[in-house]
Amino acid sequence: MPIRAVIEDEGVFTPEETEVLISAFEDTLRHVGESNRSDTLSLFVARQIIHAASGGERDPEKLRNSVLSVLSVLGHRASGNTES
C-alpha cells in the first residue's frame, strides 16, 4: 500500500504536507534499503511517519530520523547513510 493511500485515509494533511510526508517516507526507505512499498516494513514506516506528523512535525529529516530511531530500538539496522 503506497503511503499516499495511508495519508488519504487519515484525511488531516494538506497537499503540501502530504508531499513532505512522502519525501520523508521515501528517504526513510532508502536508508533502510527497502524498495518494496507494499511490504510490512514499508507500511510500518508510513504509519510511523504519519504518527510523528500528527504530533505537528513537518521537517522531513526529523520525520525520517524519528522512524529510524524506532526501527533501531526494534533491532532493524539502516543500510543507507543516515547523515544529511
Protein backbone atom coordinates (compact mmCIF):
# COMPACT_ATOMS: atom_id res chain seq x y z
CA MET A 1 0.00 0.00 0.00
CA PRO A 2 1.56 3.32 -1.01
CA ILE A 3 1.96 5.98 1.67
CA ARG A 4 -0.36 8.33 -0.23
CA ALA A 5 -3.27 5.92 0.36
CA VAL A 6 -2.48 5.74 4.08
CA ILE A 7 -2.25 9.54 4.29
CA GLU A 8 -5.54 9.96 2.45
CA ASP A 9 -7.19 7.54 4.90
CA GLU A 10 -6.12 9.90 7.70
CA GLY A 11 -7.65 12.88 5.89
CA VAL A 12 -5.90 15.50 8.01
CA PHE A 13 -2.96 16.66 5.90
CA THR A 14 -2.83 19.35 3.24
CA PRO A 15 -1.42 18.54 -0.20
CA GLU A 16 1.81 20.34 0.75
CA GLU A 17 2.10 18.36 3.99
CA THR A 18 1.39 15.17 2.08
CA GLU A 19 4.38 15.86 -0.19
CA VAL A 20 6.60 16.36 2.88
CA LEU A 21 5.43 13.05 4.34
CA ILE A 22 6.01 11.24 1.05
CA SER A 23 9.51 12.70 0.84
CA ALA A 24 10.28 11.57 4.41
CA PHE A 25 8.83 8.11 3.66
CA GLU A 26 10.92 7.61 0.52
CA ASP A 27 14.06 8.90 2.23
CA THR A 28 13.50 6.56 5.16
CA LEU A 29 13.06 3.58 2.84
CA ARG A 30 16.33 4.50 1.09
CA HIS A 31 18.05 4.45 4.47
CA VAL A 32 16.67 1.05 5.44
CA GLY A 33 17.24 -0.35 1.96
CA GLU A 34 13.62 -1.27 1.24
CA SER A 35 12.25 -0.84 -2.26
CA ASN A 36 9.06 -2.90 -1.99
CA ARG A 37 6.46 -0.32 -0.96
CA SER A 38 3.80 -2.93 -0.22
CA ASP A 39 5.64 -4.95 2.42
CA THR A 40 5.05 -4.87 6.16
CA LEU A 41 8.10 -2.74 6.93
CA SER A 42 7.09 -0.10 4.39
CA LEU A 43 3.61 0.11 5.90
CA PHE A 44 5.14 0.39 9.37
CA VAL A 45 7.39 3.23 8.16
CA ALA A 46 4.41 5.03 6.62
CA ARG A 47 2.37 4.76 9.81
CA GLN A 48 5.27 5.93 11.96
CA ILE A 49 5.82 8.99 9.76
CA ILE A 50 2.11 9.81 9.89
CA HIS A 51 2.12 9.37 13.66
CA ALA A 52 5.05 11.78 14.06
CA ALA A 53 3.47 14.27 11.66
CA SER A 54 0.17 14.07 13.54
CA GLY A 55 2.08 15.48 16.51
CA GLY A 56 2.99 18.53 14.44
CA GLU A 57 6.39 17.63 13.00
CA ARG A 58 6.84 18.73 9.39
CA ASP A 59 10.62 18.57 8.92
CA PRO A 60 11.29 15.57 6.61
CA GLU A 61 14.70 14.90 8.17
CA LYS A 62 13.25 14.83 11.67
CA LEU A 63 10.41 12.59 10.49
CA ARG A 64 12.93 10.21 8.90
CA ASN A 65 15.17 10.22 11.95
CA SER A 66 12.28 9.54 14.30
CA VAL A 67 11.36 6.44 12.31
CA LEU A 68 14.98 5.30 12.09
CA SER A 69 15.20 5.63 15.88
CA VAL A 70 12.12 3.44 16.35
CA LEU A 71 13.50 0.87 13.92
CA SER A 72 16.82 0.89 15.75
CA VAL A 73 15.08 0.18 19.05
CA LEU A 74 13.24 -2.68 17.35
CA GLY A 75 16.54 -4.09 16.09
CA HIS A 76 16.34 -3.12 12.41
CA ARG A 77 19.53 -1.56 11.08
CA ALA A 78 19.59 1.03 8.34
CA SER A 79 21.72 0.03 5.38
CA GLY A 80 21.99 3.51 3.90
CA ASN A 81 23.72 6.65 5.01
CA THR A 82 21.86 8.36 7.86
CA GLU A 83 23.72 11.65 7.51
CA SER A 84 22.12 14.50 5.60
